[in-house]
Amino acid sequence: MGSLDRKLRRKRERAEKKHAEKVIKQVGDQVDAMPRVCGECGDSFDKADRSAMNEWRLAIYDDGRIHMTCPKCGPTPEEIQSGLTSR
């Protein structure tokens, strides 16, 4: 019975590995599809700048659209806290 248990375990491990690889590919595709400029003013986004990653805002919609805004065009921290993010 050990052979059957090993066979089932390996099959399950292969299925889990395949699923994990599929998820990683989806995340990579989403990162590649991310805009590289501000949707409002056109400023370019520098992926290497760590502080920029915390300052830029992303809006991801249900239909898959991604809208990115720079710190100049996006909501201020006060607007975020008060919930007045609509412009």
PDB file of N, CA and C in Angstrom:
ATOM      1  N   MET A   1       0.813  -1.189   0.000  1.00  0.00           N
ATOM      2  CA  MET A   1       0.000   0.000   0.000  1.00  0.00           C
ATOM      3  C   MET A   1       0.865   1.264   0.000  1.00  0.00           C
ATOM      4  N   GLY A   2       2.129   1.133   0.408  1.00  0.00           N
ATOM      5  CA  GLY A   2       3.026   2.274   0.434  1.00  0.00           C
ATOM      6  C   GLY A   2       3.226   2.885  -0.941  1.00  0.00           C
ATOM      7  N   SER A   3       3.255   2.048  -1.954  1.00  0.00           N
ATOM      8  CA  SER A   3       3.449   2.518  -3.316  1.00  0.00           C
ATOM      9  C   SER A   3       2.274   3.394  -3.760  1.00  0.00           C
ATOM     10  N   LEU A   4       1.064   2.981  -3.410  1.00  0.00           N
ATOM     11  CA  LEU A   4      -0.123   3.744  -3.782  1.00  0.00           C
ATOM     12  C   LEU A   4      -0.160   5.084  -3.044  1.00  0.00           C
ATOM     13  N   ASP A   5       0.171   5.070  -1.756  1.00  0.00           N
ATOM     14  CA  ASP A   5       0.205   6.313  -0.983  1.00  0.00           C
ATOM     15  C   ASP A   5       1.228   7.279  -1.558  1.00  0.00           C
ATOM     16  N   ARG A   6       2.393   6.766  -1.919  1.00  0.00           N
ATOM     17  CA  ARG A   6       3.449   7.604  -2.499  1.00  0.00           C
ATOM     18  C   ARG A   6       2.987   8.180  -3.836  1.00  0.00           C
ATOM     19  N   LYS A   7       2.326   7.366  -4.640  1.00  0.00           N
ATOM     20  CA  LYS A   7       1.834   7.807  -5.937  1.00  0.00           C
ATOM     21  C   LYS A   7       0.801   8.931  -5.773  1.00  0.00           C
ATOM     22  N   LEU A   8      -0.115   8.774  -4.840  1.00  0.00           N
ATOM     23  CA  LEU A   8      -1.135   9.798  -4.599  1.00  0.00           C
ATOM     24  C   LEU A   8      -0.514  11.083  -4.040  1.00  0.00           C
ATOM     25  N   ARG A   9       0.460  10.930  -3.158  1.00  0.00           N
ATOM     26  CA  ARG A   9       1.133  12.097  -2.577  1.00  0.00           C
ATOM     27  C   ARG A   9       1.865  12.872  -3.660  1.00  0.00           C
ATOM     28  N   ARG A  10       2.576  12.171  -4.531  1.00  0.00           N
ATOM     29  CA  ARG A  10       3.312  12.842  -5.606  1.00  0.00           C
ATOM     30  C   ARG A  10       2.367  13.531  -6.584  1.00  0.00           C
ATOM     31  N   LYS A  11       1.244  12.893  -6.867  1.00  0.00           N
ATOM     32  CA  LYS A  11       0.255  13.499  -7.761  1.00  0.00           C
ATOM     33  C   LYS A  11      -0.292  14.788  -7.151  1.00  0.00           C
ATOM     34  N   ARG A  12      -0.588  14.767  -5.864  1.00  0.00           N
ATOM     35  CA  ARG A  12      -1.096  15.948  -5.169  1.00  0.00           C
ATOM     36  C   ARG A  12      -0.031  17.047  -5.155  1.00  0.00           C
ATOM     37  N   GLU A  13       1.230  16.685  -4.909  1.00  0.00           N
ATOM     38  CA  GLU A  13       2.319  17.669  -4.896  1.00  0.00           C
ATOM     39  C   GLU A  13       2.502  18.309  -6.271  1.00  0.00           C
ATOM     40  N   ARG A  14       2.394  17.506  -7.343  1.00  0.00           N
ATOM     41  CA  ARG A  14       2.503  18.057  -8.697  1.00  0.00           C
ATOM     42  C   ARG A  14       1.370  19.023  -8.987  1.00  0.00           C
ATOM     43  N   ALA A  15       0.151  18.682  -8.550  1.00  0.00           N
ATOM     44  CA  ALA A  15      -0.999  19.565  -8.767  1.00  0.00           C
ATOM     45  C   ALA A  15      -0.823  20.874  -7.998  1.00  0.00           C
ATOM     46  N   GLU A  16      -0.323  20.811  -6.767  1.00  0.00           N
ATOM     47  CA  GLU A  16      -0.086  22.015  -5.972  1.00  0.00           C
ATOM     48  C   GLU A  16       0.990  22.884  -6.606  1.00  0.00           C
ATOM     49  N   LYS A  17       2.051  22.259  -7.110  1.00  0.00           N
ATOM     50  CA  LYS A  17       3.130  23.000  -7.755  1.00  0.00           C
ATOM     51  C   LYS A  17       2.625  23.681  -9.018  1.00  0.00           C
ATOM     52  N   LYS A  18       1.820  22.982  -9.803  1.00  0.00           N
ATOM     53  CA  LYS A  18       1.270  23.536 -11.028  1.00  0.00           C
ATOM     54  C   LYS A  18       0.367  24.736 -10.715  1.00  0.00           C
ATOM     55  N   HIS A  19      -0.450  24.613  -9.670  1.00  0.00           N
ATOM     56  CA  HIS A  19      -1.329  25.713  -9.274  1.00  0.00           C
ATOM     57  C   HIS A  19      -0.507  26.923  -8.822  1.00  0.00           C
ATOM     58  N   ALA A  20       0.546  26.692  -8.035  1.00  0.00           N
ATOM     59  CA  ALA A  20       1.391  27.787  -7.555  1.00  0.00           C
ATOM     60  C   ALA A  20       2.075  28.496  -8.723  1.00  0.00           C
ATOM     61  N   GLU A  21       2.554  27.751  -9.701  1.00  0.00           N
ATOM     62  CA  GLU A  21       3.194  28.352 -10.867  1.00  0.00           C
ATOM     63  C   GLU A  21       2.196  29.184 -11.667  1.00  0.00           C
ATOM     64  N   LYS A  22       0.946  28.720 -11.756  1.00  0.00           N
ATOM     65  CA  LYS A  22      -0.095  29.454 -12.466  1.00  0.00           C
ATOM     66  C   LYS A  22      -0.383  30.782 -11.768  1.00  0.00           C
ATOM     67  N   VAL A  23      -0.459  30.753 -10.441  1.00  0.00           N
ATOM     68  CA  VAL A  23      -0.713  31.978  -9.674  1.00  0.00           C
ATOM     69  C   VAL A  23       0.441  32.963  -9.839  1.00  0.00           C
ATOM     70  N   ILE A  24       1.667  32.473  -9.793  1.00  0.00           N
ATOM     71  CA  ILE A  24       2.837  33.340  -9.960  1.00  0.00           C
ATOM     72  C   ILE A  24       2.827  33.987 -11.341  1.00  0.00           C
ATOM     73  N   LYS A  25       2.463  33.233 -12.356  1.00  0.00           N
ATOM     74  CA  LYS A  25       2.394  33.779 -13.712  1.00  0.00           C
ATOM     75  C   LYS A  25       1.323  34.862 -13.803  1.00  0.00           C
ATOM     76  N   GLN A  26       0.171  34.657 -13.165  1.00  0.00           N
ATOM     77  CA  GLN A  26      -0.891  35.662 -13.187  1.00  0.00           C
ATOM     78  C   GLN A  26      -0.436  36.956 -12.520  1.00  0.00           C
ATOM     79  N   VAL A  27       0.237  36.848 -11.398  1.00  0.00           N
ATOM     80  CA  VAL A  27       0.735  38.037 -10.697  1.00  0.00           C
ATOM     81  C   VAL A  27       1.760  38.761 -11.565  1.00  0.00           C
ATOM     82  N   GLY A  28       2.643  38.023 -12.189  1.00  0.00           N
ATOM     83  CA  GLY A  28       3.639  38.631 -13.075  1.00  0.00           C
ATOM     84  C   GLY A  28       2.991  39.347 -14.246  1.00  0.00           C
ATOM     85  N   ASP A  29       1.962  38.749 -14.825  1.00  0.00           N
ATOM     86  CA  ASP A  29       1.248  39.383 -15.928  1.00  0.00           C
ATOM     87  C   ASP A  29       0.573  40.675 -15.474  1.00  0.00           C
ATOM     88  N   GLN A  30       0.010  40.674 -14.266  1.00  0.00           N
ATOM     89  CA  GLN A  30      -0.643  41.872 -13.739  1.00  0.00           C
ATOM     90  C   GLN A  30       0.371  42.978 -13.481  1.00  0.00           C
ATOM     91  N   VAL A  31       1.537  42.624 -12.986  1.00  0.00           N
ATOM     92  CA  VAL A  31       2.583  43.628 -12.747  1.00  0.00           C
ATOM     93  C   VAL A  31       3.057  44.206 -14.081  1.00  0.00           C
ATOM     94  N   ASP A  32       3.188  43.368 -15.086  1.00  0.00           N
ATOM     95  CA  ASP A  32       3.612  43.850 -16.400  1.00  0.00           C
ATOM     96  C   ASP A  32       2.563  44.757 -17.034  1.00  0.00           C
ATOM     97  N   ALA A  33       1.280  44.521 -16.731  1.00  0.00           N
ATOM     98  CA  ALA A  33       0.197  45.317 -17.305  1.00  0.00           C
ATOM     99  C   ALA A  33      -0.022  46.629 -16.558  1.00  0.00           C
ATOM    100  N   MET A  34       0.658  46.813 -15.434  1.00  0.00           N
ATOM    101  CA  MET A  34       0.496  48.015 -14.635  1.00  0.00           C
ATOM    102  C   MET A  34       0.974  49.237 -15.421  1.00  0.00           C
ATOM    103  N   PRO A  35       0.242  50.346 -15.320  1.00  0.00           N
ATOM    104  CA  PRO A  35       0.674  51.553 -16.037  1.00  0.00           C
ATOM    105  C   PRO A  35       2.043  52.029 -15.566  1.00  0.00           C
ATOM    106  N   ARG A  36       2.733  52.730 -16.420  1.00  0.00           N
ATOM    107  CA  ARG A  36       4.056  53.231 -16.087  1.00  0.00           C
ATOM    108  C   ARG A  36       4.087  54.758 -15.966  1.00  0.00           C
ATOM    109  N   VAL A  37       2.925  55.383 -16.168  1.00  0.00           N
ATOM    110  CA  VAL A  37       2.819  56.843 -16.064  1.00  0.00           C
ATOM    111  C   VAL A  37       1.565  57.206 -15.275  1.00  0.00           C
ATOM    112  N   CYS A  38       1.543  58.419 -14.767  1.00  0.00           N
ATOM    113  CA  CYS A  38       0.376  58.937 -14.046  1.00  0.00           C
ATOM    114  C   CYS A  38      -0.778  59.100 -15.033  1.00  0.00           C
ATOM    115  N   GLY A  39      -1.957  58.664 -14.640  1.00  0.00           N
ATOM    116  CA  GLY A  39      -3.128  58.777 -15.503  1.00  0.00           C
ATOM    117  C   GLY A  39      -3.651  60.193 -15.618  1.00  0.00           C
ATOM    118  N   GLU A  40      -3.223  61.086 -14.746  1.00  0.00           N
ATOM    119  CA  GLU A  40      -3.691  62.469 -14.758  1.00  0.00           C
ATOM    120  C   GLU A  40      -2.729  63.400 -15.499  1.00  0.00           C
ATOM    121  N   CYS A  41      -1.446  63.379 -15.105  1.00  0.00           N
ATOM    122  CA  CYS A  41      -0.504  64.360 -15.668  1.00  0.00           C
ATOM    123  C   CYS A  41       0.551  63.750 -16.586  1.00  0.00           C
ATOM    124  N   GLY A  42       0.726  62.431 -16.575  1.00  0.00           N
ATOM    125  CA  GLY A  42       1.680  61.792 -17.469  1.00  0.00           C
ATOM    126  C   GLY A  42       3.080  61.638 -16.915  1.00  0.00           C
ATOM    127  N   ASP A  43       3.310  61.975 -15.629  1.00  0.00           N
ATOM    128  CA  ASP A  43       4.628  61.761 -15.035  1.00  0.00           C
ATOM    129  C   ASP A  43       4.967  60.277 -15.063  1.00  0.00           C
ATOM    130  N   SER A  44       6.250  59.963 -15.297  1.00  0.00           N
ATOM    131  CA  SER A  44       6.640  58.559 -15.357  1.00  0.00           C
ATOM    132  C   SER A  44       6.900  58.016 -13.952  1.00  0.00           C
ATOM    133  N   PHE A  45       6.615  56.735 -13.772  1.00  0.00           N
ATOM    134  CA  PHE A  45       6.788  56.046 -12.504  1.00  0.00           C
ATOM    135  C   PHE A  45       8.117  55.317 -12.519  1.00  0.00           C
ATOM    136  N   ASP A  46       8.940  55.535 -11.493  1.00  0.00           N
ATOM    137  CA  ASP A  46      10.244  54.895 -11.377  1.00  0.00           C
ATOM    138  C   ASP A  46      10.126  53.714 -10.417  1.00  0.00           C
ATOM    139  N   LYS A  47      10.177  52.500 -10.952  1.00  0.00           N
ATOM    140  CA  LYS A  47      10.039  51.296 -10.122  1.00  0.00           C
ATOM    141  C   LYS A  47      11.194  51.129  -9.140  1.00  0.00           C
ATOM    142  N   ALA A  48      12.345  51.694  -9.450  1.00  0.00           N
ATOM    143  CA  ALA A  48      13.523  51.528  -8.600  1.00  0.00           C
ATOM    144  C   ALA A  48      13.471  52.415  -7.359  1.00  0.00           C
ATOM    145  N   ASP A  49      12.666  53.470  -7.383  1.00  0.00           N
ATOM    146  CA  ASP A  49      12.571  54.403  -6.259  1.00  0.00           C
ATOM    147  C   ASP A  49      11.588  53.853  -5.224  1.00  0.00           C
ATOM    148  N   ARG A  50      12.117  53.388  -4.088  1.00  0.00           N
ATOM    149  CA  ARG A  50      11.271  52.784  -3.055  1.00  0.00           C
ATOM    150  C   ARG A  50      10.268  53.768  -2.464  1.00  0.00           C
ATOM    151  N   SER A  51      10.653  55.020  -2.306  1.00  0.00           N
ATOM    152  CA  SER A  51       9.719  55.999  -1.735  1.00  0.00           C
ATOM    153  C   SER A  51       8.557  56.249  -2.689  1.00  0.00           C
ATOM    154  N   ALA A  52       8.800  56.171  -3.991  1.00  0.00           N
ATOM    155  CA  ALA A  52       7.731  56.366  -4.969  1.00  0.00           C
ATOM    156  C   ALA A  52       6.685  55.257  -4.858  1.00  0.00           C
ATOM    157  N   MET A  53       7.104  54.072  -4.519  1.00  0.00           N
ATOM    158  CA  MET A  53       6.167  52.958  -4.397  1.00  0.00           C
ATOM    159  C   MET A  53       5.163  53.193  -3.275  1.00  0.00           C
ATOM    160  N   ASN A  54       5.553  53.924  -2.247  1.00  0.00           N
ATOM    161  CA  ASN A  54       4.642  54.204  -1.146  1.00  0.00           C
ATOM    162  C   ASN A  54       3.794  55.446  -1.387  1.00  0.00           C
ATOM    163  N   GLU A  55       4.188  56.295  -2.320  1.00  0.00           N
ATOM    164  CA  GLU A  55       3.488  57.546  -2.544  1.00  0.00           C
ATOM    165  C   GLU A  55       2.481  57.485  -3.685  1.00  0.00           C
ATOM    166  N   TRP A  56       2.737  56.697  -4.704  1.00  0.00           N
ATOM    167  CA  TRP A  56       1.836  56.600  -5.841  1.00  0.00           C
ATOM    168  C   TRP A  56       0.609  55.783  -5.445  1.00  0.00           C
ATOM    169  N   ARG A  57      -0.537  56.089  -6.034  1.00  0.00           N
ATOM    170  CA  ARG A  57      -1.804  55.404  -5.736  1.00  0.00           C
ATOM    171  C   ARG A  57      -2.266  54.604  -6.943  1.00  0.00           C
ATOM    172  N   LEU A  58      -2.773  53.415  -6.658  1.00  0.00           N
ATOM    173  CA  LEU A  58      -3.335  52.559  -7.697  1.00  0.00           C
ATOM    174  C   LEU A  58      -4.820  52.376  -7.439  1.00  0.00           C
ATOM    175  N   ALA A  59      -5.594  52.441  -8.497  1.00  0.00           N
ATOM    176  CA  ALA A  59      -7.014  52.111  -8.425  1.00  0.00           C
ATOM    177  C   ALA A  59      -7.226  50.943  -9.376  1.00  0.00           C
ATOM    178  N   ILE A  60      -7.689  49.827  -8.836  1.00  0.00           N
ATOM    179  CA  ILE A  60      -7.917  48.629  -9.647  1.00  0.00           C
ATOM    180  C   ILE A  60      -9.416  48.383  -9.677  1.00  0.00           C
ATOM    181  N   TYR A  61      -9.973  48.390 -10.874  1.00  0.00           N
ATOM    182  CA  TYR A  61     -11.413  48.261 -11.045  1.00  0.00           C
ATOM    183  C   TYR A  61     -11.805  46.817 -11.312  1.00  0.00           C
ATOM    184  N   ASP A  62     -13.086  46.512 -11.116  1.00  0.00           N
ATOM    185  CA  ASP A  62     -13.594  45.152 -11.290  1.00  0.00           C
ATOM    186  C   ASP A  62     -13.414  44.637 -12.719  1.00  0.00           C
ATOM    187  N   ASP A  63     -13.465  45.526 -13.690  1.00  0.00           N
ATOM    188  CA  ASP A  63     -13.326  45.091 -15.081  1.00  0.00           C
ATOM    189  C   ASP A  63     -11.865  44.917 -15.502  1.00  0.00           C
ATOM    190  N   GLY A  64     -10.917  45.093 -14.545  1.00  0.00           N
ATOM    191  CA  GLY A  64      -9.514  44.842 -14.820  1.00  0.00           C
ATOM    192  C   GLY A  64      -8.686  46.080 -15.116  1.00  0.00           C
ATOM    193  N   ARG A  65      -9.335  47.233 -15.279  1.00  0.00           N
ATOM    194  CA  ARG A  65      -8.580  48.457 -15.543  1.00  0.00           C
ATOM    195  C   ARG A  65      -7.752  48.839 -14.320  1.00  0.00           C
ATOM    196  N   ILE A  66      -6.580  49.414 -14.569  1.00  0.00           N
ATOM    197  CA  ILE A  66      -5.711  49.886 -13.498  1.00  0.00           C
ATOM    198  C   ILE A  66      -5.410  51.356 -13.776  1.00  0.00           C
ATOM    199  N   HIS A  67      -5.669  52.203 -12.785  1.00  0.00           N
ATOM    200  CA  HIS A  67      -5.423  53.633 -12.923  1.00  0.00           C
ATOM    201  C   HIS A  67      -4.396  54.028 -11.869  1.00  0.00           C
ATOM    202  N   MET A  68      -3.332  54.707 -12.295  1.00  0.00           N
ATOM    203  CA  MET A  68      -2.260  55.089 -11.389  1.00  0.00           C
ATOM    204  C   MET A  68      -2.173  56.604 -11.325  1.00  0.00           C
ATOM    205  N   THR A  69      -2.003  57.141 -10.104  1.00  0.00           N
ATOM    206  CA  THR A  69      -1.840  58.583  -9.947  1.00  0.00           C
ATOM    207  C   THR A  69      -0.602  58.876  -9.121  1.00  0.00           C
ATOM    208  N   CYS A  70       0.082  59.962  -9.486  1.00  0.00           N
ATOM    209  CA  CYS A  70       1.290  60.375  -8.775  1.00  0.00           C
ATOM    210  C   CYS A  70       0.901  61.132  -7.503  1.00  0.00           C
ATOM    211  N   PRO A  71       1.851  61.392  -6.619  1.00  0.00           N
ATOM    212  CA  PRO A  71       1.545  62.106  -5.377  1.00  0.00           C
ATOM    213  C   PRO A  71       0.990  63.515  -5.612  1.00  0.00           C
ATOM    214  N   LYS A  72       1.403  64.173  -6.713  1.00  0.00           N
ATOM    215  CA  LYS A  72       0.900  65.525  -6.998  1.00  0.00           C
ATOM    216  C   LYS A  72      -0.570  65.510  -7.389  1.00  0.00           C
ATOM    217  N   CYS A  73      -0.982  64.505  -8.153  1.00  0.00           N
ATOM    218  CA  CYS A  73      -2.351  64.446  -8.673  1.00  0.00           C
ATOM    219  C   CYS A  73      -3.300  63.671  -7.761  1.00  0.00           C
ATOM    220  N   GLY A  74      -2.764  62.769  -6.986  1.00  0.00           N
ATOM    221  CA  GLY A  74      -3.597  61.912  -6.146  1.00  0.00           C
ATOM    222  C   GLY A  74      -4.127  62.630  -4.926  1.00  0.00           C
ATOM    223  N   PRO A  75      -4.935  61.939  -4.149  1.00  0.00           N
ATOM    224  CA  PRO A  75      -5.499  62.542  -2.941  1.00  0.00           C
ATOM    225  C   PRO A  75      -4.419  62.792  -1.885  1.00  0.00           C
ATOM    226  N   THR A  76      -4.618  63.818  -1.091  1.00  0.00           N
ATOM    227  CA  THR A  76      -3.706  64.125   0.008  1.00  0.00           C
ATOM    228  C   THR A  76      -3.983  63.164   1.162  1.00  0.00           C
ATOM    229  N   PRO A  77      -3.042  62.997   2.076  1.00  0.00           N
ATOM    230  CA  PRO A  77      -3.290  62.119   3.229  1.00  0.00           C
ATOM    231  C   PRO A  77      -4.511  62.542   4.043  1.00  0.00           C
ATOM    232  N   GLU A  78      -4.776  63.848   4.106  1.00  0.00           N
ATOM    233  CA  GLU A  78      -5.945  64.321   4.834  1.00  0.00           C
ATOM    234  C   GLU A  78      -7.238  63.884   4.142  1.00  0.00           C
ATOM    235  N   GLU A  79      -7.244  63.942   2.789  1.00  0.00           N
ATOM    236  CA  GLU A  79      -8.419  63.503   2.049  1.00  0.00           C
ATOM    237  C   GLU A  79      -8.656  62.011   2.206  1.00  0.00           C
ATOM    238  N   ILE A  80      -7.586  61.249   2.273  1.00  0.00           N
ATOM    239  CA  ILE A  80      -7.709  59.805   2.444  1.00  0.00           C
ATOM    240  C   ILE A  80      -8.313  59.484   3.793  1.00  0.00           C
ATOM    241  N   GLN A  81      -7.827  60.150   4.851  1.00  0.00           N
ATOM    242  CA  GLN A  81      -8.333  59.885   6.191  1.00  0.00           C
ATOM    243  C   GLN A  81      -9.776  60.306   6.348  1.00  0.00           C
ATOM    244  N   SER A  82     -10.172  61.419   5.732  1.00  0.00           N
ATOM    245  CA  SER A  82     -11.537  61.892   5.887  1.00  0.00           C
ATOM    246  C   SER A  82     -12.501  61.213   4.926  1.00  0.00           C
ATOM    247  N   GLY A  83     -11.994  60.452   3.966  1.00  0.00           N
ATOM    248  CA  GLY A  83     -12.852  59.740   3.016  1.00  0.00           C
ATOM    249  C   GLY A  83     -13.301  60.612   1.858  1.00  0.00           C
ATOM    250  N   LEU A  84     -12.681  61.759   1.653  1.00  0.00           N
ATOM    251  CA  LEU A  84     -13.052  62.672   0.579  1.00  0.00           C
ATOM    252  C   LEU A  84     -12.126  62.482  -0.609  1.00  0.00           C
ATOM    253  N   THR A  85     -12.065  61.258  -1.150  1.00  0.00           N
ATOM    254  CA  THR A  85     -11.128  60.975  -2.228  1.00  0.00           C
ATOM    255  C   THR A  85     -11.707  61.276  -3.587  1.00  0.00           C
ATOM    256  N   SER A  86     -13.001  61.569  -3.709  1.00  0.00           N
ATOM    257  CA  SER A  86     -13.562  61.861  -5.041  1.00  0.00           C
ATOM    258  C   SER A  86     -13.148  63.249  -5.462  1.00  0.00           C
ATOM    259  N   ARG A  87     -12.755  63.382  -6.715  1.00  0.00           N
ATOM    260  CA  ARG A  87     -12.306  64.683  -7.238  1.00  0.00           C
ATOM    261  C   ARG A  87     -13.252  65.146  -8.302  1.00  0.00           C
TER     262      ARG A  87
END
